[in-house]
Amino acid sequence: MRKPRIYCPKLSAPSYKCTNIKQIHHLAKVLRLKPNDPVELFDGCGFMANGTIGEIDKAYISFHVGDILLVQNPYQKSYQAIIPYIKKENLIYSLQKLIELGVNSILIYKPDHLDQSLAKKDLSKLNLRLEEAMVSACEQSGCNHFPAIDYFDDLKECLQSTKLNSDFEGLFVLDTIANQFIKDHEILSLKSISIITGPESGYSSAERETMSELGLRSLKIGHYVLRAETAPVVGLSKFHSLFGEY
């Protein structure tokens, strides 16, 4: 049986105490872990350790922690996804899959064509849910490196941000009306890749003008139109394949 993975933001040896109520409930009530059960602990910054459960209490769970090791990111390239706010569950799905594929950074922007289900919502609350989903995805997938996640009021603000991983040479717009497919000979020398995807209703004319003024290249990633939540996942997978990083 696979050992449960547990996020420990301040991982330390030889012992660690978890006081997160949600985490305690999940470990004790859902997974039904008991003292001396083996676990894997990680801090989201690349450090991990094997351990065992010490004491289980309503207010805390203690762990016996083994040697803490630094685990290198397995991917040679740096990957960034620039994605829009879409329906909550679809956005959470997309974020989880991007993390499973090893994305380094996620920039989330509010599109001009915002889904009506989000029009009157407080997006900061959704942001908190996304960060919880990030932890869950890393626990499940074995990823020890949290991606950086940043939020923007619109695409233009996002593209003017210092949070962009690459210069515009490595920044690609994934677009249903693009004529060019991804070609390996044009990107193999790049050290970082950033991809932009749009919402279900597509990019607005203002967003297209912003990207055009920056001279960004548009790419087509398939013969069919993909859903907003799957487009960045498929796009990142294709770049992985071209670089031989499976």
C-alpha atoms as a PDB file:
ATOM      1  CA  MET A   1       0.000   0.000   0.000  1.00  0.00           C
ATOM      2  CA  ARG A   2       1.292   3.450  -0.897  1.00  0.00           C
ATOM      3  CA  LYS A   3       2.304   5.598   2.058  1.00  0.00           C
ATOM      4  CA  PRO A   4       0.101   8.667   2.631  1.00  0.00           C
ATOM      5  CA  ARG A   5       1.838  11.940   1.718  1.00  0.00           C
ATOM      6  CA  ILE A   6       1.373  14.843   4.111  1.00  0.00           C
ATOM      7  CA  TYR A   7       2.155  18.519   3.558  1.00  0.00           C
ATOM      8  CA  CYS A   8       4.230  19.957   6.410  1.00  0.00           C
ATOM      9  CA  PRO A   9       4.995  23.657   5.784  1.00  0.00           C
ATOM     10  CA  LYS A  10       7.678  23.760   8.484  1.00  0.00           C
ATOM     11  CA  LEU A  11       9.109  20.273   8.130  1.00  0.00           C
ATOM     12  CA  SER A  12      11.789  19.531  10.709  1.00  0.00           C
ATOM     13  CA  ALA A  13      13.537  16.521  12.219  1.00  0.00           C
ATOM     14  CA  PRO A  14      13.404  14.494  14.406  1.00  0.00           C
ATOM     15  CA  SER A  15       9.775  15.387  15.090  1.00  0.00           C
ATOM     16  CA  TYR A  16       6.943  17.476  13.644  1.00  0.00           C
ATOM     17  CA  LYS A  17       3.534  18.415  15.029  1.00  0.00           C
ATOM     18  CA  CYS A  18       0.545  19.075  12.765  1.00  0.00           C
ATOM     19  CA  THR A  19      -2.210  21.308  14.184  1.00  0.00           C
ATOM     20  CA  ASN A  20      -4.231  21.817  10.988  1.00  0.00           C
ATOM     21  CA  ILE A  21      -7.762  20.714  11.924  1.00  0.00           C
ATOM     22  CA  LYS A  22      -8.773  19.738   8.366  1.00  0.00           C
ATOM     23  CA  GLN A  23      -5.596  17.737   7.947  1.00  0.00           C
ATOM     24  CA  ILE A  24      -6.053  16.006  11.314  1.00  0.00           C
ATOM     25  CA  HIS A  25      -9.624  15.011  10.410  1.00  0.00           C
ATOM     26  CA  HIS A  26      -8.521  13.655   7.036  1.00  0.00           C
ATOM     27  CA  LEU A  27      -5.674  11.611   8.482  1.00  0.00           C
ATOM     28  CA  ALA A  28      -7.539  10.273  11.516  1.00  0.00           C
ATOM     29  CA  LYS A  29     -11.114   9.931  10.255  1.00  0.00           C
ATOM     30  CA  VAL A  30     -10.801   9.418   6.492  1.00  0.00           C
ATOM     31  CA  LEU A  31      -7.503   7.556   6.147  1.00  0.00           C
ATOM     32  CA  ARG A  32      -7.870   6.073   9.662  1.00  0.00           C
ATOM     33  CA  LEU A  33      -4.149   6.245  10.346  1.00  0.00           C
ATOM     34  CA  LYS A  34      -2.820   4.995  13.664  1.00  0.00           C
ATOM     35  CA  PRO A  35       0.385   5.428  15.703  1.00  0.00           C
ATOM     36  CA  ASN A  36       3.455   3.868  14.031  1.00  0.00           C
ATOM     37  CA  ASP A  37       1.848   3.940  10.570  1.00  0.00           C
ATOM     38  CA  PRO A  38       4.431   5.023   7.919  1.00  0.00           C
ATOM     39  CA  VAL A  39       3.956   8.340   6.100  1.00  0.00           C
ATOM     40  CA  GLU A  40       5.837  10.549   3.661  1.00  0.00           C
ATOM     41  CA  LEU A  41       6.225  14.216   4.618  1.00  0.00           C
ATOM     42  CA  PHE A  42       7.045  17.139   2.306  1.00  0.00           C
ATOM     43  CA  ASP A  43       7.221  20.928   2.577  1.00  0.00           C
ATOM     44  CA  GLY A  44       6.350  22.000  -0.985  1.00  0.00           C
ATOM     45  CA  CYS A  45       9.822  23.484  -1.511  1.00  0.00           C
ATOM     46  CA  GLY A  46      11.540  20.267  -2.553  1.00  0.00           C
ATOM     47  CA  PHE A  47      12.315  18.770   0.857  1.00  0.00           C
ATOM     48  CA  MET A  48      10.791  15.458   1.937  1.00  0.00           C
ATOM     49  CA  ALA A  49      11.259  12.789   4.597  1.00  0.00           C
ATOM     50  CA  ASN A  50       9.923   9.394   5.555  1.00  0.00           C
ATOM     51  CA  GLY A  51       8.319   9.216   8.960  1.00  0.00           C
ATOM     52  CA  THR A  52       5.858   7.484  11.224  1.00  0.00           C
ATOM     53  CA  ILE A  53       2.879   8.719  13.177  1.00  0.00           C
ATOM     54  CA  GLY A  54       3.622   9.325  16.852  1.00  0.00           C
ATOM     55  CA  GLU A  55       0.594  10.545  18.761  1.00  0.00           C
ATOM     56  CA  ILE A  56      -2.922  11.298  17.498  1.00  0.00           C
ATOM     57  CA  ASP A  57      -5.022  13.834  19.409  1.00  0.00           C
ATOM     58  CA  LYS A  58      -8.064  15.944  18.552  1.00  0.00           C
ATOM     59  CA  ALA A  59      -5.860  19.053  18.462  1.00  0.00           C
ATOM     60  CA  TYR A  60      -2.732  17.660  16.826  1.00  0.00           C
ATOM     61  CA  ILE A  61      -0.897  14.739  15.249  1.00  0.00           C
ATOM     62  CA  SER A  62       2.798  14.270  15.925  1.00  0.00           C
ATOM     63  CA  PHE A  63       5.254  12.549  13.585  1.00  0.00           C
ATOM     64  CA  HIS A  64       8.636  10.929  14.026  1.00  0.00           C
ATOM     65  CA  VAL A  65      10.689  12.319  11.136  1.00  0.00           C
ATOM     66  CA  GLY A  66      13.613  10.584   9.420  1.00  0.00           C
ATOM     67  CA  ASP A  67      16.375  12.225   7.397  1.00  0.00           C
ATOM     68  CA  ILE A  68      15.161  15.222   5.386  1.00  0.00           C
ATOM     69  CA  LEU A  69      16.207  15.038   1.731  1.00  0.00           C
ATOM     70  CA  LEU A  70      16.174  17.615  -1.048  1.00  0.00           C
ATOM     71  CA  VAL A  71      14.455  16.246  -4.160  1.00  0.00           C
ATOM     72  CA  GLN A  72      15.387  17.969  -7.421  1.00  0.00           C
ATOM     73  CA  ASN A  73      12.722  18.936  -9.951  1.00  0.00           C
ATOM     74  CA  PRO A  74      12.801  16.129 -12.562  1.00  0.00           C
ATOM     75  CA  TYR A  75      12.171  18.486 -15.492  1.00  0.00           C
ATOM     76  CA  GLN A  76      14.996  20.372 -17.216  1.00  0.00           C
ATOM     77  CA  LYS A  77      12.763  23.098 -18.682  1.00  0.00           C
ATOM     78  CA  SER A  78      10.677  25.627 -16.776  1.00  0.00           C
ATOM     79  CA  TYR A  79       6.961  25.598 -17.597  1.00  0.00           C
ATOM     80  CA  GLN A  80       4.393  28.302 -16.931  1.00  0.00           C
ATOM     81  CA  ALA A  81       0.644  28.281 -17.627  1.00  0.00           C
ATOM     82  CA  ILE A  82      -1.283  31.542 -18.021  1.00  0.00           C
ATOM     83  CA  ILE A  83      -4.937  30.599 -17.680  1.00  0.00           C
ATOM     84  CA  PRO A  84      -8.253  32.428 -17.172  1.00  0.00           C
ATOM     85  CA  TYR A  85     -10.759  32.184 -14.377  1.00  0.00           C
ATOM     86  CA  ILE A  86     -13.382  29.684 -15.528  1.00  0.00           C
ATOM     87  CA  LYS A  87     -16.093  27.727 -13.689  1.00  0.00           C
ATOM     88  CA  LYS A  88     -14.803  26.740 -10.251  1.00  0.00           C
ATOM     89  CA  GLU A  89     -14.740  22.967 -10.585  1.00  0.00           C
ATOM     90  CA  ASN A  90     -13.272  23.162 -14.096  1.00  0.00           C
ATOM     91  CA  LEU A  91     -10.535  25.522 -12.917  1.00  0.00           C
ATOM     92  CA  ILE A  92      -9.672  23.270  -9.976  1.00  0.00           C
ATOM     93  CA  TYR A  93      -9.476  20.292 -12.336  1.00  0.00           C
ATOM     94  CA  SER A  94      -7.165  22.157 -14.708  1.00  0.00           C
ATOM     95  CA  LEU A  95      -4.902  23.347 -11.899  1.00  0.00           C
ATOM     96  CA  GLN A  96      -4.600  19.829 -10.468  1.00  0.00           C
ATOM     97  CA  LYS A  97      -3.679  18.341 -13.844  1.00  0.00           C
ATOM     98  CA  LEU A  98      -1.111  21.060 -14.536  1.00  0.00           C
ATOM     99  CA  ILE A  99       0.537  20.279 -11.194  1.00  0.00           C
ATOM    100  CA  GLU A 100       0.566  16.564 -12.026  1.00  0.00           C
ATOM    101  CA  LEU A 101       2.444  17.509 -15.212  1.00  0.00           C
ATOM    102  CA  GLY A 102       5.061  19.455 -13.248  1.00  0.00           C
ATOM    103  CA  VAL A 103       4.142  23.070 -14.046  1.00  0.00           C
ATOM    104  CA  ASN A 104       6.449  25.552 -12.280  1.00  0.00           C
ATOM    105  CA  SER A 105       4.197  28.607 -12.289  1.00  0.00           C
ATOM    106  CA  ILE A 106       0.523  29.383 -12.856  1.00  0.00           C
ATOM    107  CA  LEU A 107      -0.741  32.900 -13.593  1.00  0.00           C
ATOM    108  CA  ILE A 108      -4.536  33.240 -13.403  1.00  0.00           C
ATOM    109  CA  TYR A 109      -6.170  36.257 -15.029  1.00  0.00           C
ATOM    110  CA  LYS A 110      -9.733  37.560 -15.100  1.00  0.00           C
ATOM    111  CA  PRO A 111     -10.821  37.358 -18.761  1.00  0.00           C
ATOM    112  CA  ASP A 112     -13.005  39.912 -20.478  1.00  0.00           C
ATOM    113  CA  HIS A 113     -15.427  37.070 -21.251  1.00  0.00           C
ATOM    114  CA  LEU A 114     -15.773  35.955 -17.639  1.00  0.00           C
ATOM    115  CA  ASP A 115     -18.202  33.091 -17.041  1.00  0.00           C
ATOM    116  CA  GLN A 116     -21.483  34.347 -15.598  1.00  0.00           C
ATOM    117  CA  SER A 117     -21.222  31.923 -12.682  1.00  0.00           C
ATOM    118  CA  LEU A 118     -18.244  33.999 -11.462  1.00  0.00           C
ATOM    119  CA  ALA A 119     -19.459  37.483 -12.420  1.00  0.00           C
ATOM    120  CA  LYS A 120     -20.681  38.418  -8.934  1.00  0.00           C
ATOM    121  CA  LYS A 121     -18.421  36.131  -6.919  1.00  0.00           C
ATOM    122  CA  ASP A 122     -15.557  37.135  -4.653  1.00  0.00           C
ATOM    123  CA  LEU A 123     -12.660  35.605  -6.566  1.00  0.00           C
ATOM    124  CA  SER A 124     -10.359  35.845  -3.540  1.00  0.00           C
ATOM    125  CA  LYS A 125     -12.388  33.034  -1.948  1.00  0.00           C
ATOM    126  CA  LEU A 126     -11.901  30.938  -5.064  1.00  0.00           C
ATOM    127  CA  ASN A 127      -8.163  31.654  -4.842  1.00  0.00           C
ATOM    128  CA  LEU A 128      -8.081  30.082  -1.368  1.00  0.00           C
ATOM    129  CA  ARG A 129      -9.843  27.001  -2.713  1.00  0.00           C
ATOM    130  CA  LEU A 130      -7.303  26.764  -5.532  1.00  0.00           C
ATOM    131  CA  GLU A 131      -4.425  26.812  -3.074  1.00  0.00           C
ATOM    132  CA  GLU A 132      -6.051  23.998  -1.090  1.00  0.00           C
ATOM    133  CA  ALA A 133      -6.403  22.059  -4.347  1.00  0.00           C
ATOM    134  CA  MET A 134      -2.714  22.675  -5.075  1.00  0.00           C
ATOM    135  CA  VAL A 135      -1.718  21.016  -1.784  1.00  0.00           C
ATOM    136  CA  SER A 136      -4.054  18.083  -2.460  1.00  0.00           C
ATOM    137  CA  ALA A 137      -2.655  17.623  -5.987  1.00  0.00           C
ATOM    138  CA  CYS A 138       0.934  17.579  -4.716  1.00  0.00           C
ATOM    139  CA  GLU A 139       0.049  15.091  -1.980  1.00  0.00           C
ATOM    140  CA  GLN A 140      -1.635  12.806  -4.493  1.00  0.00           C
ATOM    141  CA  SER A 141       0.829  13.076  -7.387  1.00  0.00           C
ATOM    142  CA  GLY A 142       4.126  12.869  -5.520  1.00  0.00           C
ATOM    143  CA  CYS A 143       5.174  16.361  -6.591  1.00  0.00           C
ATOM    144  CA  ASN A 144       7.421  17.947  -3.943  1.00  0.00           C
ATOM    145  CA  HIS A 145       7.547  21.404  -5.512  1.00  0.00           C
ATOM    146  CA  PHE A 146       4.593  23.773  -5.214  1.00  0.00           C
ATOM    147  CA  PRO A 147       4.137  25.923  -8.317  1.00  0.00           C
ATOM    148  CA  ALA A 148       4.019  29.675  -7.787  1.00  0.00           C
ATOM    149  CA  ILE A 149       0.425  30.916  -8.240  1.00  0.00           C
ATOM    150  CA  ASP A 150      -0.384  34.583  -8.943  1.00  0.00           C
ATOM    151  CA  TYR A 151      -3.657  36.337  -9.746  1.00  0.00           C
ATOM    152  CA  PHE A 152      -4.413  39.267 -12.066  1.00  0.00           C
ATOM    153  CA  ASP A 153      -7.371  41.506 -12.844  1.00  0.00           C
ATOM    154  CA  ASP A 154      -6.956  41.114 -16.608  1.00  0.00           C
ATOM    155  CA  LEU A 155      -4.682  39.616 -19.247  1.00  0.00           C
ATOM    156  CA  LYS A 156      -2.883  42.881 -19.995  1.00  0.00           C
ATOM    157  CA  GLU A 157      -1.844  43.305 -16.353  1.00  0.00           C
ATOM    158  CA  CYS A 158      -0.674  39.705 -16.345  1.00  0.00           C
ATOM    159  CA  LEU A 159       1.488  40.130 -19.444  1.00  0.00           C
ATOM    160  CA  GLN A 160       3.078  43.273 -18.004  1.00  0.00           C
ATOM    161  CA  SER A 161       3.948  41.475 -14.785  1.00  0.00           C
ATOM    162  CA  THR A 162       7.440  40.561 -13.642  1.00  0.00           C
ATOM    163  CA  LYS A 163       6.018  37.131 -12.813  1.00  0.00           C
ATOM    164  CA  LEU A 164       6.405  36.009 -16.424  1.00  0.00           C
ATOM    165  CA  ASN A 165       8.897  33.153 -16.563  1.00  0.00           C
ATOM    166  CA  SER A 166      10.308  33.835 -20.008  1.00  0.00           C
ATOM    167  CA  ASP A 167      10.858  36.590 -22.498  1.00  0.00           C
ATOM    168  CA  PHE A 168       8.296  36.802 -25.268  1.00  0.00           C
ATOM    169  CA  GLU A 169      10.296  34.358 -27.421  1.00  0.00           C
ATOM    170  CA  GLY A 170       9.190  31.527 -25.161  1.00  0.00           C
ATOM    171  CA  LEU A 171       5.624  32.812 -24.691  1.00  0.00           C
ATOM    172  CA  PHE A 172       2.982  31.195 -26.876  1.00  0.00           C
ATOM    173  CA  VAL A 173      -0.732  31.823 -27.309  1.00  0.00           C
ATOM    174  CA  LEU A 174      -2.773  28.648 -27.733  1.00  0.00           C
ATOM    175  CA  ASP A 175      -5.563  29.661 -30.063  1.00  0.00           C
ATOM    176  CA  THR A 176      -8.283  27.794 -31.931  1.00  0.00           C
ATOM    177  CA  ILE A 177      -7.925  30.060 -34.995  1.00  0.00           C
ATOM    178  CA  ALA A 178      -4.134  29.822 -35.239  1.00  0.00           C
ATOM    179  CA  ASN A 179      -2.727  28.309 -38.430  1.00  0.00           C
ATOM    180  CA  GLN A 180       0.607  27.044 -37.130  1.00  0.00           C
ATOM    181  CA  PHE A 181       1.125  23.878 -35.124  1.00  0.00           C
ATOM    182  CA  ILE A 182       3.863  23.482 -32.521  1.00  0.00           C
ATOM    183  CA  LYS A 183       7.164  22.724 -34.285  1.00  0.00           C
ATOM    184  CA  ASP A 184       9.989  21.175 -32.356  1.00  0.00           C
ATOM    185  CA  HIS A 185      12.855  22.831 -34.223  1.00  0.00           C
ATOM    186  CA  GLU A 186      11.660  26.268 -33.130  1.00  0.00           C
ATOM    187  CA  ILE A 187      11.495  25.588 -29.402  1.00  0.00           C
ATOM    188  CA  LEU A 188      14.097  22.972 -28.469  1.00  0.00           C
ATOM    189  CA  SER A 189      16.681  25.646 -27.576  1.00  0.00           C
ATOM    190  CA  LEU A 190      14.307  27.462 -25.189  1.00  0.00           C
ATOM    191  CA  LYS A 191      14.947  27.085 -21.453  1.00  0.00           C
ATOM    192  CA  SER A 192      11.458  28.141 -20.399  1.00  0.00           C
ATOM    193  CA  ILE A 193       8.011  27.924 -21.946  1.00  0.00           C
ATOM    194  CA  SER A 194       4.904  29.951 -21.102  1.00  0.00           C
ATOM    195  CA  ILE A 195       1.512  29.204 -22.643  1.00  0.00           C
ATOM    196  CA  ILE A 196      -1.607  31.367 -22.659  1.00  0.00           C
ATOM    197  CA  THR A 197      -5.094  29.903 -22.948  1.00  0.00           C
ATOM    198  CA  GLY A 198      -8.481  31.582 -23.058  1.00  0.00           C
ATOM    199  CA  PRO A 199     -11.953  31.018 -21.558  1.00  0.00           C
ATOM    200  CA  GLU A 200     -14.826  29.036 -23.090  1.00  0.00           C
ATOM    201  CA  SER A 201     -16.044  32.122 -24.978  1.00  0.00           C
ATOM    202  CA  GLY A 202     -12.607  32.806 -26.416  1.00  0.00           C
ATOM    203  CA  TYR A 203     -10.332  35.814 -26.251  1.00  0.00           C
ATOM    204  CA  SER A 204     -11.923  39.262 -26.530  1.00  0.00           C
ATOM    205  CA  SER A 205     -10.877  41.672 -29.274  1.00  0.00           C
ATOM    206  CA  ALA A 206      -9.051  43.766 -26.650  1.00  0.00           C
ATOM    207  CA  GLU A 207      -7.129  40.706 -25.394  1.00  0.00           C
ATOM    208  CA  ARG A 208      -6.208  39.757 -28.948  1.00  0.00           C
ATOM    209  CA  GLU A 209      -4.995  43.302 -29.603  1.00  0.00           C
ATOM    210  CA  THR A 210      -2.837  43.205 -26.438  1.00  0.00           C
ATOM    211  CA  MET A 211      -1.197  39.945 -27.496  1.00  0.00           C
ATOM    212  CA  SER A 212      -0.757  41.149 -31.075  1.00  0.00           C
ATOM    213  CA  GLU A 213       0.955  44.367 -29.937  1.00  0.00           C
ATOM    214  CA  LEU A 214       3.443  42.267 -27.967  1.00  0.00           C
ATOM    215  CA  GLY A 215       4.161  40.187 -31.045  1.00  0.00           C
ATOM    216  CA  LEU A 216       3.202  36.904 -29.390  1.00  0.00           C
ATOM    217  CA  ARG A 217       3.070  33.817 -31.561  1.00  0.00           C
ATOM    218  CA  SER A 218      -0.165  31.858 -31.777  1.00  0.00           C
ATOM    219  CA  LEU A 219      -0.137  28.084 -31.987  1.00  0.00           C
ATOM    220  CA  LYS A 220      -2.737  25.441 -32.672  1.00  0.00           C
ATOM    221  CA  ILE A 221      -2.429  22.348 -30.489  1.00  0.00           C
ATOM    222  CA  GLY A 222      -4.853  20.050 -32.268  1.00  0.00           C
ATOM    223  CA  HIS A 223      -7.400  19.618 -35.033  1.00  0.00           C
ATOM    224  CA  TYR A 224     -10.363  20.072 -32.686  1.00  0.00           C
ATOM    225  CA  VAL A 225     -11.522  22.742 -30.259  1.00  0.00           C
ATOM    226  CA  LEU A 226     -10.601  21.878 -26.675  1.00  0.00           C
ATOM    227  CA  ARG A 227     -12.441  22.884 -23.533  1.00  0.00           C
ATOM    228  CA  ALA A 228     -10.954  25.748 -21.515  1.00  0.00           C
ATOM    229  CA  GLU A 229      -9.909  23.412 -18.696  1.00  0.00           C
ATOM    230  CA  THR A 230      -8.196  20.852 -20.952  1.00  0.00           C
ATOM    231  CA  ALA A 231      -6.418  23.214 -23.384  1.00  0.00           C
ATOM    232  CA  PRO A 232      -3.536  24.144 -21.021  1.00  0.00           C
ATOM    233  CA  VAL A 233      -3.145  20.514 -19.936  1.00  0.00           C
ATOM    234  CA  VAL A 234      -2.905  19.259 -23.525  1.00  0.00           C
ATOM    235  CA  GLY A 235      -0.642  22.169 -24.464  1.00  0.00           C
ATOM    236  CA  LEU A 236       1.793  21.485 -21.639  1.00  0.00           C
ATOM    237  CA  SER A 237       1.757  17.760 -22.459  1.00  0.00           C
ATOM    238  CA  LYS A 238       2.689  18.485 -26.073  1.00  0.00           C
ATOM    239  CA  PHE A 239       5.655  20.629 -25.028  1.00  0.00           C
ATOM    240  CA  HIS A 240       6.743  17.859 -22.637  1.00  0.00           C
ATOM    241  CA  SER A 241       6.662  15.390 -25.525  1.00  0.00           C
ATOM    242  CA  LEU A 242       8.650  17.648 -27.843  1.00  0.00           C
ATOM    243  CA  PHE A 243      11.330  18.087 -25.185  1.00  0.00           C
ATOM    244  CA  GLY A 244      11.377  14.362 -24.393  1.00  0.00           C
ATOM    245  CA  GLU A 245      10.297  15.042 -20.794  1.00  0.00           C
ATOM    246  CA  TYR A 246       7.623  12.466 -20.136  1.00  0.00           C
END
